[in-house]
Protein backbone atom coordinates (compact mmCIF):
# COMPACT_ATOMS: atom_id res chain seq x y z
CA UNK A 1 -14.15 -12.64 10.10
CA UNK A 2 -14.62 -9.58 12.01
CA UNK A 3 -18.31 -9.37 12.20
CA UNK A 4 -18.60 -13.06 12.89
CA UNK A 5 -16.51 -12.55 16.11
CA UNK A 6 -18.70 -9.44 16.99
CA UNK A 7 -16.30 -6.83 15.95
CA UNK A 8 -16.91 -3.82 13.81
CA UNK A 9 -15.06 -3.36 10.52
CA UNK A 10 -12.72 -0.55 10.89
CA UNK A 11 -9.87 0.91 8.78
CA UNK A 12 -7.50 0.34 11.63
CA UNK A 13 -8.40 -3.27 12.17
CA UNK A 14 -8.09 -4.13 8.56
CA UNK A 15 -4.78 -2.38 8.64
CA UNK A 16 -3.42 -4.36 11.66
CA UNK A 17 -4.79 -7.65 9.92
CA UNK A 18 -2.99 -6.71 6.56
CA UNK A 19 0.20 -6.19 8.38
CA UNK A 20 -0.07 -9.51 10.47
CA UNK A 21 -0.90 -11.50 7.30
CA UNK A 22 2.41 -10.31 5.68
CA UNK A 23 4.35 -9.96 9.10
CA UNK A 24 3.43 -12.84 11.45
CA UNK A 25 5.04 -12.59 14.92
CA UNK A 26 5.44 -8.80 14.96
CA UNK A 27 5.31 -6.95 18.03
CA UNK A 28 3.11 -3.79 18.52
CA UNK A 29 5.87 -1.27 17.67
CA UNK A 30 6.71 -3.09 14.36
CA UNK A 31 2.90 -3.39 13.69
CA UNK A 32 2.44 0.34 14.37
CA UNK A 33 5.30 1.23 11.97
CA UNK A 34 3.78 -0.83 9.14
CA UNK A 35 0.35 0.28 9.87
CA UNK A 36 1.27 3.94 9.44
CA UNK A 37 2.15 3.20 5.78
CA UNK A 38 -1.66 2.16 5.55
CA UNK A 39 -3.30 4.38 7.82
CA UNK A 40 -1.14 7.54 8.14
CA UNK A 41 -1.73 9.16 11.52
CA UNK A 42 -3.10 6.07 13.63
CA UNK A 43 -1.43 6.19 17.03
CA UNK A 44 0.45 3.43 18.81
CA UNK A 45 -2.23 3.51 21.58
CA UNK A 46 -4.74 2.86 18.87
CA UNK A 47 -2.75 -0.22 17.58
CA UNK A 48 -2.61 -1.67 21.18
CA UNK A 49 -6.37 -1.23 21.39
CA UNK A 50 -6.95 -2.93 18.11
CA UNK A 51 -4.64 -5.70 19.00
CA UNK A 52 -6.32 -6.03 22.37
CA UNK A 53 -9.74 -6.37 20.75
CA UNK A 54 -8.55 -8.81 18.00
CA UNK A 55 -6.90 -10.99 20.81
CA UNK A 56 -10.03 -10.90 23.01
CA UNK A 57 -12.25 -11.97 20.11
CA UNK A 58 -9.88 -14.83 19.25
CA UNK A 59 -8.90 -13.47 15.94
CA UNK A 60 -5.18 -13.32 16.68
CA UNK A 61 -2.77 -15.16 19.15
CA UNK A 62 -0.58 -13.15 21.62
CA UNK A 63 2.55 -14.78 22.80
CA UNK A 64 5.40 -13.30 24.94
CA UNK A 65 8.73 -14.93 24.60
CA UNK A 66 11.03 -14.32 27.52
CA UNK A 67 12.97 -11.00 27.38
CA UNK A 68 10.90 -9.94 24.46
CA UNK A 69 7.94 -7.69 23.90
CA UNK A 70 4.74 -9.44 23.21
CA UNK A 71 4.40 -10.90 19.60
CA UNK A 72 1.06 -11.41 17.55
CA UNK A 73 0.04 -13.69 14.90
CA UNK A 74 -3.10 -14.75 12.99
CA UNK A 75 -2.53 -18.56 13.20
CA UNK A 76 -4.95 -19.28 16.14
CA UNK A 77 -6.87 -22.55 14.91
CA UNK A 78 -4.27 -24.93 15.99
CA UNK A 79 -1.89 -25.86 18.52
CA UNK A 80 1.84 -24.83 17.85
CA UNK A 81 4.88 -23.64 19.45
CA UNK A 82 7.62 -21.07 18.54
CA UNK A 83 11.45 -21.05 17.90
CA UNK A 84 12.97 -17.87 18.80
CA UNK A 85 16.57 -16.89 17.56
CA UNK A 86 18.42 -15.79 20.65
CA UNK A 87 20.42 -13.46 18.47
CA UNK A 88 18.21 -11.60 16.12
CA UNK A 89 14.92 -12.36 17.62
CA UNK A 90 13.31 -14.04 14.50
CA UNK A 91 10.40 -16.15 15.36
CA UNK A 92 9.32 -19.35 13.57
CA UNK A 93 6.27 -21.58 14.08
CA UNK A 94 6.92 -25.20 15.13
CA UNK A 95 3.91 -27.63 14.77
CA UNK A 96 3.03 -29.44 17.77
CA UNK A 97 3.59 -33.36 17.42
CA UNK A 98 0.44 -34.29 19.18
CA UNK A 99 -1.69 -31.47 17.56
CA UNK A 100 -4.06 -30.79 20.27
CA UNK A 101 -3.55 -28.69 23.74
CA UNK A 102 -2.11 -29.44 25.93
CA UNK A 103 0.59 -31.43 24.35
CA UNK A 104 2.64 -31.99 27.50
CA UNK A 105 1.12 -33.88 30.08
CA UNK A 106 3.01 -33.04 33.28
CA UNK A 107 1.60 -33.99 36.64
CA UNK A 108 -0.66 -31.14 37.94
CA UNK A 109 -1.28 -30.35 41.50
CA UNK A 110 -4.53 -32.00 42.84
CA UNK A 111 -7.52 -30.31 41.34
CA UNK A 112 -5.57 -28.38 38.68
CA UNK A 113 -6.75 -29.08 35.23
CA UNK A 114 -3.92 -28.13 32.54
CA UNK A 115 -5.68 -26.80 29.46
CA UNK A 116 -2.49 -25.37 27.46
CA UNK A 117 1.13 -25.94 27.66
CA UNK A 118 3.35 -23.16 26.11
CA UNK A 119 6.69 -24.21 24.75
CA UNK A 120 9.27 -21.89 23.23
CA UNK A 121 12.44 -23.31 21.54
CA UNK A 122 15.42 -21.09 21.71
CA UNK A 123 18.43 -21.22 19.51
CA UNK A 124 19.95 -19.68 16.31
CA UNK A 125 17.99 -19.31 13.11
CA UNK A 126 19.54 -20.53 9.88
CA UNK A 127 20.80 -17.12 8.77
CA UNK A 128 22.61 -16.42 12.17
CA UNK A 129 23.82 -19.96 12.39
CA UNK A 130 25.35 -19.58 8.97
CA UNK A 131 27.12 -16.20 9.88
CA UNK A 132 28.44 -17.99 12.85
CA UNK A 133 30.47 -20.42 10.98
């Protein structure tokens, strides 16, 4: 996957991909903590560099919920959205009902071509909703 996107295969990149496979929607700090178990001594800056390169190459998706650090995921080949728990910050994927971008067709200013719509649903995850009862 890395070579087909023009990237060298490195231990740091493989470690980041392994972490994201098990922990989708993680932020850079969480990824760094988990990568440290696989590659001791890797710096937070190195993790940021890897995330930037993987995002630029289209290997991962970066999204930034309001009032939150950027999150990363490997699900890049479809149009989907996210539901964020406003209490614990848990993020879940929400499949787009139309399946292709942009899924919202709002009137755009003259000459403006909309290519993507970003939708984030906010609420309580099942665990937080259950604890509130």
